[in-house]
Amino acid sequence: MILVGDDAGNRKYIDDKTDVIDLDGKYVVQGIIESHNHVDASAWITYTG
């Protein structure tokens, strides 16, 4: 997924090689696996047991 929005705003990015999926008003959440930690919390857990 590289772009979301209305048809008018995206039309210039669409060509014959573009797959366009009309969600018909439905919501989509991109499947990103994002792993991070909060350094202060990690340090607290690590050093206080």
N, C-alpha and C. Protein backbone atom coordinates (compact mmCIF):
# COMPACT_ATOMS: atom_id res chain seq x y z
N MET A 1 0.86 -1.16 0.00
CA MET A 1 0.00 0.00 0.00
C MET A 1 0.90 1.22 0.00
N ILE A 2 0.71 2.06 -0.97
CA ILE A 2 1.54 3.27 -1.02
C ILE A 2 0.73 4.55 -0.99
N LEU A 3 -0.59 4.43 -1.16
CA LEU A 3 -1.39 5.65 -1.25
C LEU A 3 -2.84 5.37 -0.88
N VAL A 4 -3.42 6.26 -0.11
CA VAL A 4 -4.85 6.18 0.20
C VAL A 4 -5.47 7.54 -0.02
N GLY A 5 -6.76 7.56 -0.21
CA GLY A 5 -7.45 8.83 -0.40
C GLY A 5 -8.57 8.70 -1.40
N ASP A 6 -9.06 9.84 -1.85
CA ASP A 6 -10.18 9.82 -2.80
C ASP A 6 -9.68 9.66 -4.23
N ASP A 7 -10.60 9.31 -5.11
CA ASP A 7 -10.24 9.08 -6.51
C ASP A 7 -9.59 10.30 -7.16
N ALA A 8 -10.17 11.47 -6.91
CA ALA A 8 -9.68 12.69 -7.56
C ALA A 8 -8.22 12.98 -7.19
N GLY A 9 -7.87 12.78 -5.93
CA GLY A 9 -6.52 13.06 -5.48
C GLY A 9 -5.50 12.03 -5.92
N ASN A 10 -5.96 10.82 -6.26
CA ASN A 10 -5.04 9.73 -6.59
C ASN A 10 -4.95 9.42 -8.08
N ARG A 11 -5.84 10.00 -8.87
CA ARG A 11 -5.92 9.65 -10.28
C ARG A 11 -4.59 9.82 -11.03
N LYS A 12 -3.81 10.81 -10.66
CA LYS A 12 -2.55 11.05 -11.39
C LYS A 12 -1.52 9.95 -11.13
N TYR A 13 -1.72 9.13 -10.09
CA TYR A 13 -0.78 8.06 -9.76
C TYR A 13 -1.21 6.70 -10.32
N ILE A 14 -2.36 6.63 -10.94
CA ILE A 14 -2.91 5.37 -11.42
C ILE A 14 -2.63 5.22 -12.90
N ASP A 15 -2.07 4.05 -13.27
CA ASP A 15 -1.87 3.74 -14.68
C ASP A 15 -2.34 2.30 -14.92
N ASP A 16 -2.04 1.75 -16.10
CA ASP A 16 -2.54 0.41 -16.44
C ASP A 16 -1.86 -0.70 -15.63
N LYS A 17 -0.80 -0.40 -14.89
CA LYS A 17 -0.11 -1.40 -14.06
C LYS A 17 -0.53 -1.32 -12.59
N THR A 18 -1.43 -0.41 -12.27
CA THR A 18 -1.83 -0.18 -10.88
C THR A 18 -3.04 -1.02 -10.52
N ASP A 19 -2.96 -1.73 -9.39
CA ASP A 19 -4.11 -2.45 -8.85
C ASP A 19 -4.85 -1.49 -7.93
N VAL A 20 -6.09 -1.19 -8.26
CA VAL A 20 -6.92 -0.29 -7.46
C VAL A 20 -8.03 -1.11 -6.81
N ILE A 21 -8.15 -1.00 -5.50
CA ILE A 21 -9.19 -1.73 -4.78
C ILE A 21 -10.15 -0.71 -4.17
N ASP A 22 -11.40 -0.77 -4.59
CA ASP A 22 -12.43 0.12 -4.05
C ASP A 22 -13.01 -0.54 -2.80
N LEU A 23 -12.78 0.05 -1.66
CA LEU A 23 -13.25 -0.51 -0.39
C LEU A 23 -14.70 -0.16 -0.10
N ASP A 24 -15.32 0.62 -0.96
CA ASP A 24 -16.73 0.97 -0.82
C ASP A 24 -17.04 1.51 0.57
N GLY A 25 -16.17 2.40 1.06
CA GLY A 25 -16.38 3.04 2.35
C GLY A 25 -15.89 2.25 3.55
N LYS A 26 -15.37 1.05 3.33
CA LYS A 26 -14.88 0.24 4.45
C LYS A 26 -13.50 0.72 4.88
N TYR A 27 -13.11 0.32 6.08
CA TYR A 27 -11.85 0.73 6.69
C TYR A 27 -10.80 -0.35 6.49
N VAL A 28 -9.58 0.04 6.24
CA VAL A 28 -8.48 -0.92 6.09
C VAL A 28 -7.34 -0.52 7.01
N VAL A 29 -6.70 -1.53 7.59
CA VAL A 29 -5.53 -1.30 8.43
C VAL A 29 -4.38 -2.05 7.79
N GLN A 30 -3.33 -1.33 7.50
CA GLN A 30 -2.17 -1.96 6.89
C GLN A 30 -1.49 -2.88 7.89
N GLY A 31 -1.08 -4.04 7.45
CA GLY A 31 -0.47 -5.04 8.33
C GLY A 31 1.01 -4.79 8.53
N ILE A 32 1.32 -3.88 9.40
CA ILE A 32 2.72 -3.58 9.70
C ILE A 32 3.06 -4.24 11.03
N ILE A 33 4.15 -4.97 11.04
CA ILE A 33 4.64 -5.52 12.30
C ILE A 33 5.72 -4.57 12.78
N GLU A 34 5.45 -3.90 13.85
CA GLU A 34 6.35 -2.87 14.34
C GLU A 34 6.76 -3.25 15.76
N SER A 35 8.02 -3.52 15.91
CA SER A 35 8.51 -3.93 17.22
C SER A 35 9.42 -2.85 17.77
N HIS A 36 9.10 -2.37 18.94
CA HIS A 36 9.95 -1.38 19.58
C HIS A 36 9.75 -1.47 21.08
N ASN A 37 10.58 -0.82 21.80
CA ASN A 37 10.37 -0.76 23.25
C ASN A 37 10.64 0.66 23.72
N HIS A 38 10.21 0.90 24.90
CA HIS A 38 10.45 2.19 25.52
C HIS A 38 11.65 2.02 26.44
N VAL A 39 12.72 2.68 26.12
CA VAL A 39 13.99 2.47 26.79
C VAL A 39 13.87 2.61 28.30
N ASP A 40 13.16 3.60 28.77
CA ASP A 40 13.05 3.77 30.22
C ASP A 40 12.32 2.59 30.87
N ALA A 41 11.27 2.09 30.25
CA ALA A 41 10.54 0.95 30.80
C ALA A 41 11.39 -0.31 30.73
N SER A 42 12.11 -0.51 29.63
CA SER A 42 12.97 -1.68 29.50
C SER A 42 14.08 -1.68 30.55
N ALA A 43 14.66 -0.53 30.78
CA ALA A 43 15.71 -0.41 31.79
C ALA A 43 15.15 -0.68 33.18
N TRP A 44 13.97 -0.16 33.46
CA TRP A 44 13.34 -0.39 34.76
C TRP A 44 13.12 -1.87 35.01
N ILE A 45 12.57 -2.56 34.02
CA ILE A 45 12.30 -3.99 34.15
C ILE A 45 13.60 -4.78 34.27
N THR A 46 14.58 -4.42 33.46
CA THR A 46 15.85 -5.13 33.46
C THR A 46 16.59 -4.99 34.78
N TYR A 47 16.61 -3.80 35.32
CA TYR A 47 17.45 -3.55 36.50
C TYR A 47 16.72 -3.61 37.84
N THR A 48 15.40 -3.76 37.82
CA THR A 48 14.70 -3.86 39.10
C THR A 48 14.03 -5.23 39.27
N GLY A 49 14.13 -6.06 38.27
CA GLY A 49 13.63 -7.42 38.37
C GLY A 49 12.20 -7.48 38.17
